[in-house]
Amino acid sequence: MSDMFRLRLVFALLMSLLMSSMMSGWVTWLNIGLHPDFLSRWRYAFMAAWPAAFTVVMVCGPLVHGASQRLAVRLRRG
């Protein structure tokens, strides 16, 4: 496994973990508030979201990275 691919995997793992936990927690809170079973519902939502988020980061990450670079160059030029 190349170093670049290993870096991409670790990045996707960490980014998807962060985004899935924050977004599933936020949406669960918006839907039910601080209900007594909030943590179990959050855990369920997170477990459903994390594989999807990881896949999206792995597949779309390079595309978004390239688009971000092009946009940054255009913004720098004015």
PDB file of N, CA and C in Angstrom:
ATOM      1  N   MET A   1       0.850  -1.169   0.000  1.00  0.00           N
ATOM      2  CA  MET A   1       0.000   0.000   0.000  1.00  0.00           C
ATOM      3  C   MET A   1       0.900   1.239   0.000  1.00  0.00           C
ATOM      4  N   SER A   2       0.630   2.134  -0.906  1.00  0.00           N
ATOM      5  CA  SER A   2       1.454   3.337  -1.007  1.00  0.00           C
ATOM      6  C   SER A   2       1.180   4.278   0.170  1.00  0.00           C
ATOM      7  N   ASP A   3       2.127   5.150   0.432  1.00  0.00           N
ATOM      8  CA  ASP A   3       1.957   6.128   1.513  1.00  0.00           C
ATOM      9  C   ASP A   3       0.794   7.072   1.237  1.00  0.00           C
ATOM     10  N   MET A   4       0.616   7.452  -0.033  1.00  0.00           N
ATOM     11  CA  MET A   4      -0.485   8.359  -0.380  1.00  0.00           C
ATOM     12  C   MET A   4      -1.839   7.697  -0.133  1.00  0.00           C
ATOM     13  N   PHE A   5      -1.956   6.424  -0.505  1.00  0.00           N
ATOM     14  CA  PHE A   5      -3.224   5.726  -0.301  1.00  0.00           C
ATOM     15  C   PHE A   5      -3.481   5.517   1.190  1.00  0.00           C
ATOM     16  N   ARG A   6      -2.449   5.218   1.945  1.00  0.00           N
ATOM     17  CA  ARG A   6      -2.581   5.061   3.395  1.00  0.00           C
ATOM     18  C   ARG A   6      -3.040   6.377   4.021  1.00  0.00           C
ATOM     19  N   LEU A   7      -2.457   7.479   3.582  1.00  0.00           N
ATOM     20  CA  LEU A   7      -2.867   8.795   4.076  1.00  0.00           C
ATOM     21  C   LEU A   7      -4.329   9.062   3.732  1.00  0.00           C
ATOM     22  N   ARG A   8      -4.727   8.722   2.518  1.00  0.00           N
ATOM     23  CA  ARG A   8      -6.116   8.927   2.096  1.00  0.00           C
ATOM     24  C   ARG A   8      -7.071   8.096   2.949  1.00  0.00           C
ATOM     25  N   LEU A   9      -6.704   6.877   3.256  1.00  0.00           N
ATOM     26  CA  LEU A   9      -7.541   6.019   4.099  1.00  0.00           C
ATOM     27  C   LEU A   9      -7.673   6.580   5.519  1.00  0.00           C
ATOM     28  N   VAL A  10      -6.561   6.996   6.093  1.00  0.00           N
ATOM     29  CA  VAL A  10      -6.592   7.547   7.454  1.00  0.00           C
ATOM     30  C   VAL A  10      -7.404   8.839   7.479  1.00  0.00           C
ATOM     31  N   PHE A  11      -7.197   9.700   6.483  1.00  0.00           N
ATOM     32  CA  PHE A  11      -7.974  10.933   6.399  1.00  0.00           C
ATOM     33  C   PHE A  11      -9.458  10.626   6.290  1.00  0.00           C
ATOM     34  N   ALA A  12      -9.829   9.695   5.410  1.00  0.00           N
ATOM     35  CA  ALA A  12     -11.234   9.345   5.228  1.00  0.00           C
ATOM     36  C   ALA A  12     -11.822   8.770   6.508  1.00  0.00           C
ATOM     37  N   LEU A  13     -11.057   7.957   7.195  1.00  0.00           N
ATOM     38  CA  LEU A  13     -11.526   7.375   8.447  1.00  0.00           C
ATOM     39  C   LEU A  13     -11.798   8.463   9.486  1.00  0.00           C
ATOM     40  N   LEU A  14     -10.833   9.362   9.673  1.00  0.00           N
ATOM     41  CA  LEU A  14     -10.985  10.414  10.680  1.00  0.00           C
ATOM     42  C   LEU A  14     -12.042  11.441  10.299  1.00  0.00           C
ATOM     43  N   MET A  15     -12.047  11.864   9.038  1.00  0.00           N
ATOM     44  CA  MET A  15     -13.028  12.861   8.611  1.00  0.00           C
ATOM     45  C   MET A  15     -14.447  12.307   8.691  1.00  0.00           C
ATOM     46  N   SER A  16     -14.637  11.072   8.247  1.00  0.00           N
ATOM     47  CA  SER A  16     -15.976  10.481   8.295  1.00  0.00           C
ATOM     48  C   SER A  16     -16.412  10.236   9.736  1.00  0.00           C
ATOM     49  N   LEU A  17     -15.476   9.859  10.602  1.00  0.00           N
ATOM     50  CA  LEU A  17     -15.796   9.675  12.017  1.00  0.00           C
ATOM     51  C   LEU A  17     -16.268  10.993  12.634  1.00  0.00           C
ATOM     52  N   LEU A  18     -15.522  12.045  12.390  1.00  0.00           N
ATOM     53  CA  LEU A  18     -15.871  13.359  12.931  1.00  0.00           C
ATOM     54  C   LEU A  18     -17.214  13.852  12.399  1.00  0.00           C
ATOM     55  N   MET A  19     -17.361  13.842  11.085  1.00  0.00           N
ATOM     56  CA  MET A  19     -18.586  14.367  10.486  1.00  0.00           C
ATOM     57  C   MET A  19     -19.808  13.523  10.835  1.00  0.00           C
ATOM     58  N   SER A  20     -19.665  12.207  10.831  1.00  0.00           N
ATOM     59  CA  SER A  20     -20.800  11.341  11.162  1.00  0.00           C
ATOM     60  C   SER A  20     -21.240  11.525  12.600  1.00  0.00           C
ATOM     61  N   SER A  21     -20.296  11.595  13.504  1.00  0.00           N
ATOM     62  CA  SER A  21     -20.677  11.749  14.909  1.00  0.00           C
ATOM     63  C   SER A  21     -21.325  13.102  15.151  1.00  0.00           C
ATOM     64  N   MET A  22     -20.762  14.154  14.580  1.00  0.00           N
ATOM     65  CA  MET A  22     -21.334  15.484  14.798  1.00  0.00           C
ATOM     66  C   MET A  22     -22.698  15.640  14.131  1.00  0.00           C
ATOM     67  N   MET A  23     -22.810  15.213  12.887  1.00  0.00           N
ATOM     68  CA  MET A  23     -24.072  15.402  12.165  1.00  0.00           C
ATOM     69  C   MET A  23     -25.177  14.486  12.691  1.00  0.00           C
ATOM     70  N   SER A  24     -24.842  13.235  13.000  1.00  0.00           N
ATOM     71  CA  SER A  24     -25.882  12.347  13.540  1.00  0.00           C
ATOM     72  C   SER A  24     -26.330  12.826  14.921  1.00  0.00           C
ATOM     73  N   GLY A  25     -25.388  13.320  15.716  1.00  0.00           N
ATOM     74  CA  GLY A  25     -25.757  13.878  17.016  1.00  0.00           C
ATOM     75  C   GLY A  25     -26.640  15.108  16.884  1.00  0.00           C
ATOM     76  N   TRP A  26     -26.280  15.988  15.974  1.00  0.00           N
ATOM     77  CA  TRP A  26     -27.051  17.217  15.748  1.00  0.00           C
ATOM     78  C   TRP A  26     -28.466  16.906  15.267  1.00  0.00           C
ATOM     79  N   VAL A  27     -28.580  16.052  14.272  1.00  0.00           N
ATOM     80  CA  VAL A  27     -29.897  15.738  13.712  1.00  0.00           C
ATOM     81  C   VAL A  27     -30.748  14.958  14.723  1.00  0.00           C
ATOM     82  N   THR A  28     -30.116  14.072  15.475  1.00  0.00           N
ATOM     83  CA  THR A  28     -30.864  13.357  16.515  1.00  0.00           C
ATOM     84  C   THR A  28     -31.384  14.339  17.553  1.00  0.00           C
ATOM     85  N   TRP A  29     -30.543  15.277  17.971  1.00  0.00           N
ATOM     86  CA  TRP A  29     -30.973  16.290  18.940  1.00  0.00           C
ATOM     87  C   TRP A  29     -32.104  17.152  18.380  1.00  0.00           C
ATOM     88  N   LEU A  30     -32.003  17.552  17.102  1.00  0.00           N
ATOM     89  CA  LEU A  30     -33.070  18.351  16.497  1.00  0.00           C
ATOM     90  C   LEU A  30     -34.394  17.585  16.459  1.00  0.00           C
ATOM     91  N   ASN A  31     -34.306  16.289  16.204  1.00  0.00           N
ATOM     92  CA  ASN A  31     -35.528  15.490  16.075  1.00  0.00           C
ATOM     93  C   ASN A  31     -36.174  15.134  17.409  1.00  0.00           C
ATOM     94  N   ILE A  32     -35.383  14.813  18.428  1.00  0.00           N
ATOM     95  CA  ILE A  32     -35.988  14.346  19.685  1.00  0.00           C
ATOM     96  C   ILE A  32     -35.587  15.150  20.910  1.00  0.00           C
ATOM     97  N   GLY A  33     -34.620  16.052  20.781  1.00  0.00           N
ATOM     98  CA  GLY A  33     -34.139  16.794  21.939  1.00  0.00           C
ATOM     99  C   GLY A  33     -33.340  15.881  22.862  1.00  0.00           C
ATOM    100  N   LEU A  34     -33.154  16.314  24.086  1.00  0.00           N
ATOM    101  CA  LEU A  34     -32.400  15.508  25.047  1.00  0.00           C
ATOM    102  C   LEU A  34     -33.339  14.500  25.717  1.00  0.00           C
ATOM    103  N   HIS A  35     -33.824  13.601  24.932  1.00  0.00           N
ATOM    104  CA  HIS A  35     -34.733  12.538  25.358  1.00  0.00           C
ATOM    105  C   HIS A  35     -33.946  11.508  26.170  1.00  0.00           C
ATOM    106  N   PRO A  36     -34.595  10.775  27.071  1.00  0.00           N
ATOM    107  CA  PRO A  36     -33.862   9.774  27.863  1.00  0.00           C
ATOM    108  C   PRO A  36     -33.087   8.742  27.040  1.00  0.00           C
ATOM    109  N   ASP A  37     -33.582   8.411  25.849  1.00  0.00           N
ATOM    110  CA  ASP A  37     -32.845   7.438  25.020  1.00  0.00           C
ATOM    111  C   ASP A  37     -32.049   8.107  23.895  1.00  0.00           C
ATOM    112  N   PHE A  38     -31.663   9.376  24.144  1.00  0.00           N
ATOM    113  CA  PHE A  38     -30.905  10.125  23.140  1.00  0.00           C
ATOM    114  C   PHE A  38     -29.636   9.381  22.708  1.00  0.00           C
ATOM    115  N   LEU A  39     -28.862   8.896  23.667  1.00  0.00           N
ATOM    116  CA  LEU A  39     -27.578   8.264  23.324  1.00  0.00           C
ATOM    117  C   LEU A  39     -27.757   6.995  22.502  1.00  0.00           C
ATOM    118  N   SER A  40     -28.759   6.201  22.806  1.00  0.00           N
ATOM    119  CA  SER A  40     -28.966   4.985  22.007  1.00  0.00           C
ATOM    120  C   SER A  40     -29.439   5.325  20.606  1.00  0.00           C
ATOM    121  N   ARG A  41     -30.260   6.343  20.469  1.00  0.00           N
ATOM    122  CA  ARG A  41     -30.699   6.759  19.128  1.00  0.00           C
ATOM    123  C   ARG A  41     -29.548   7.389  18.350  1.00  0.00           C
ATOM    124  N   TRP A  42     -28.716   8.157  19.023  1.00  0.00           N
ATOM    125  CA  TRP A  42     -27.550   8.756  18.381  1.00  0.00           C
ATOM    126  C   TRP A  42     -26.611   7.660  17.901  1.00  0.00           C
ATOM    127  N   ARG A  43     -26.382   6.674  18.742  1.00  0.00           N
ATOM    128  CA  ARG A  43     -25.505   5.558  18.368  1.00  0.00           C
ATOM    129  C   ARG A  43     -26.042   4.837  17.132  1.00  0.00           C
ATOM    130  N   TYR A  44     -27.338   4.615  17.085  1.00  0.00           N
ATOM    131  CA  TYR A  44     -27.949   3.967  15.929  1.00  0.00           C
ATOM    132  C   TYR A  44     -27.762   4.817  14.668  1.00  0.00           C
ATOM    133  N   ALA A  45     -28.008   6.117  14.781  1.00  0.00           N
ATOM    134  CA  ALA A  45     -27.852   7.015  13.633  1.00  0.00           C
ATOM    135  C   ALA A  45     -26.396   7.073  13.181  1.00  0.00           C
ATOM    136  N   PHE A  46     -25.484   7.113  14.137  1.00  0.00           N
ATOM    137  CA  PHE A  46     -24.066   7.158  13.804  1.00  0.00           C
ATOM    138  C   PHE A  46     -23.640   5.884  13.075  1.00  0.00           C
ATOM    139  N   MET A  47     -24.040   4.733  13.566  1.00  0.00           N
ATOM    140  CA  MET A  47     -23.660   3.458  12.949  1.00  0.00           C
ATOM    141  C   MET A  47     -24.210   3.339  11.528  1.00  0.00           C
ATOM    142  N   ALA A  48     -25.338   3.963  11.264  1.00  0.00           N
ATOM    143  CA  ALA A  48     -25.891   3.965   9.909  1.00  0.00           C
ATOM    144  C   ALA A  48     -25.157   4.964   9.013  1.00  0.00           C
ATOM    145  N   ALA A  49     -24.710   6.076   9.601  1.00  0.00           N
ATOM    146  CA  ALA A  49     -24.116   7.155   8.805  1.00  0.00           C
ATOM    147  C   ALA A  49     -22.638   6.942   8.502  1.00  0.00           C
ATOM    148  N   TRP A  50     -21.901   6.336   9.422  1.00  0.00           N
ATOM    149  CA  TRP A  50     -20.449   6.279   9.264  1.00  0.00           C
ATOM    150  C   TRP A  50     -19.997   5.528   8.017  1.00  0.00           C
ATOM    151  N   PRO A  51     -20.509   4.360   7.708  1.00  0.00           N
ATOM    152  CA  PRO A  51     -20.060   3.686   6.474  1.00  0.00           C
ATOM    153  C   PRO A  51     -20.347   4.513   5.218  1.00  0.00           C
ATOM    154  N   ALA A  52     -21.500   5.165   5.203  1.00  0.00           N
ATOM    155  CA  ALA A  52     -21.833   6.004   4.047  1.00  0.00           C
ATOM    156  C   ALA A  52     -20.886   7.191   3.956  1.00  0.00           C
ATOM    157  N   ALA A  53     -20.603   7.830   5.077  1.00  0.00           N
ATOM    158  CA  ALA A  53     -19.696   8.983   5.085  1.00  0.00           C
ATOM    159  C   ALA A  53     -18.290   8.574   4.655  1.00  0.00           C
ATOM    160  N   PHE A  54     -17.816   7.432   5.131  1.00  0.00           N
ATOM    161  CA  PHE A  54     -16.494   6.953   4.748  1.00  0.00           C
ATOM    162  C   PHE A  54     -16.428   6.730   3.237  1.00  0.00           C
ATOM    163  N   THR A  55     -17.453   6.109   2.684  1.00  0.00           N
ATOM    164  CA  THR A  55     -17.497   5.857   1.244  1.00  0.00           C
ATOM    165  C   THR A  55     -17.501   7.157   0.458  1.00  0.00           C
ATOM    166  N   VAL A  56     -18.299   8.121   0.898  1.00  0.00           N
ATOM    167  CA  VAL A  56     -18.363   9.411   0.207  1.00  0.00           C
ATOM    168  C   VAL A  56     -17.011  10.110   0.250  1.00  0.00           C
ATOM    169  N   VAL A  57     -16.344  10.109   1.401  1.00  0.00           N
ATOM    170  CA  VAL A  57     -15.037  10.770   1.508  1.00  0.00           C
ATOM    171  C   VAL A  57     -14.017  10.072   0.607  1.00  0.00           C
ATOM    172  N   MET A  58     -14.034   8.750   0.583  1.00  0.00           N
ATOM    173  CA  MET A  58     -13.075   8.016  -0.263  1.00  0.00           C
ATOM    174  C   MET A  58     -13.321   8.266  -1.752  1.00  0.00           C
ATOM    175  N   VAL A  59     -14.588   8.281  -2.150  1.00  0.00           N
ATOM    176  CA  VAL A  59     -14.919   8.418  -3.576  1.00  0.00           C
ATOM    177  C   VAL A  59     -14.856   9.875  -4.027  1.00  0.00           C
ATOM    178  N   CYS A  60     -15.431  10.760  -3.248  1.00  0.00           N
ATOM    179  CA  CYS A  60     -15.550  12.164  -3.667  1.00  0.00           C
ATOM    180  C   CYS A  60     -14.409  13.047  -3.191  1.00  0.00           C
ATOM    181  N   GLY A  61     -13.631  12.583  -2.230  1.00  0.00           N
ATOM    182  CA  GLY A  61     -12.539  13.392  -1.683  1.00  0.00           C
ATOM    183  C   GLY A  61     -11.590  13.933  -2.727  1.00  0.00           C
ATOM    184  N   PRO A  62     -11.072  13.073  -3.628  1.00  0.00           N
ATOM    185  CA  PRO A  62     -10.158  13.593  -4.646  1.00  0.00           C
ATOM    186  C   PRO A  62     -10.818  14.618  -5.576  1.00  0.00           C
ATOM    187  N   LEU A  63     -12.097  14.416  -5.881  1.00  0.00           N
ATOM    188  CA  LEU A  63     -12.805  15.376  -6.742  1.00  0.00           C
ATOM    189  C   LEU A  63     -12.959  16.724  -6.039  1.00  0.00           C
ATOM    190  N   VAL A  64     -13.328  16.691  -4.780  1.00  0.00           N
ATOM    191  CA  VAL A  64     -13.496  17.928  -4.013  1.00  0.00           C
ATOM    192  C   VAL A  64     -12.150  18.616  -3.819  1.00  0.00           C
ATOM    193  N   HIS A  65     -11.113  17.830  -3.581  1.00  0.00           N
ATOM    194  CA  HIS A  65      -9.771  18.398  -3.424  1.00  0.00           C
ATOM    195  C   HIS A  65      -9.354  19.143  -4.699  1.00  0.00           C
ATOM    196  N   GLY A  66      -9.558  18.511  -5.852  1.00  0.00           N
ATOM    197  CA  GLY A  66      -9.214  19.150  -7.123  1.00  0.00           C
ATOM    198  C   GLY A  66     -10.036  20.399  -7.379  1.00  0.00           C
ATOM    199  N   ALA A  67     -11.333  20.331  -7.091  1.00  0.00           N
ATOM    200  CA  ALA A  67     -12.195  21.501  -7.281  1.00  0.00           C
ATOM    201  C   ALA A  67     -11.783  22.631  -6.346  1.00  0.00           C
ATOM    202  N   SER A  68     -11.392  22.287  -5.115  1.00  0.00           N
ATOM    203  CA  SER A  68     -10.949  23.300  -4.156  1.00  0.00           C
ATOM    204  C   SER A  68      -9.671  23.988  -4.634  1.00  0.00           C
ATOM    205  N   GLN A  69      -8.753  23.214  -5.187  1.00  0.00           N
ATOM    206  CA  GLN A  69      -7.514  23.801  -5.699  1.00  0.00           C
ATOM    207  C   GLN A  69      -7.808  24.759  -6.848  1.00  0.00           C
ATOM    208  N   ARG A  70      -8.665  24.341  -7.782  1.00  0.00           N
ATOM    209  CA  ARG A  70      -9.005  25.218  -8.917  1.00  0.00           C
ATOM    210  C   ARG A  70      -9.695  26.489  -8.442  1.00  0.00           C
ATOM    211  N   LEU A  71     -10.605  26.359  -7.499  1.00  0.00           N
ATOM    212  CA  LEU A  71     -11.312  27.525  -6.980  1.00  0.00           C
ATOM    213  C   LEU A  71     -10.356  28.461  -6.243  1.00  0.00           C
ATOM    214  N   ALA A  72      -9.451  27.920  -5.469  1.00  0.00           N
ATOM    215  CA  ALA A  72      -8.490  28.751  -4.734  1.00  0.00           C
ATOM    216  C   ALA A  72      -7.606  29.537  -5.692  1.00  0.00           C
ATOM    217  N   VAL A  73      -7.197  28.915  -6.789  1.00  0.00           N
ATOM    218  CA  VAL A  73      -6.374  29.602  -7.781  1.00  0.00           C
ATOM    219  C   VAL A  73      -7.164  30.733  -8.418  1.00  0.00           C
ATOM    220  N   ARG A  74      -8.424  30.475  -8.741  1.00  0.00           N
ATOM    221  CA  ARG A  74      -9.259  31.533  -9.346  1.00  0.00           C
ATOM    222  C   ARG A  74      -9.489  32.678  -8.378  1.00  0.00           C
ATOM    223  N   LEU A  75      -9.711  32.343  -7.107  1.00  0.00           N
ATOM    224  CA  LEU A  75      -9.933  33.412  -6.122  1.00  0.00           C
ATOM    225  C   LEU A  75      -8.682  34.229  -5.896  1.00  0.00           C
ATOM    226  N   ARG A  76      -7.535  33.598  -5.962  1.00  0.00           N
ATOM    227  CA  ARG A  76      -6.260  34.308  -5.783  1.00  0.00           C
ATOM    228  C   ARG A  76      -6.039  35.287  -6.922  1.00  0.00           C
ATOM    229  N   ARG A  77      -6.432  34.911  -8.135  1.00  0.00           N
ATOM    230  CA  ARG A  77      -6.249  35.777  -9.295  1.00  0.00           C
ATOM    231  C   ARG A  77      -7.175  36.973  -9.279  1.00  0.00           C
ATOM    232  N   GLY A  78      -8.303  36.802  -8.586  1.00  0.00           N
ATOM    233  CA  GLY A  78      -9.235  37.928  -8.471  1.00  0.00           C
ATOM    234  C   GLY A  78     -10.213  37.901  -9.507  1.00  0.00           C
TER     235      GLY A  78
END
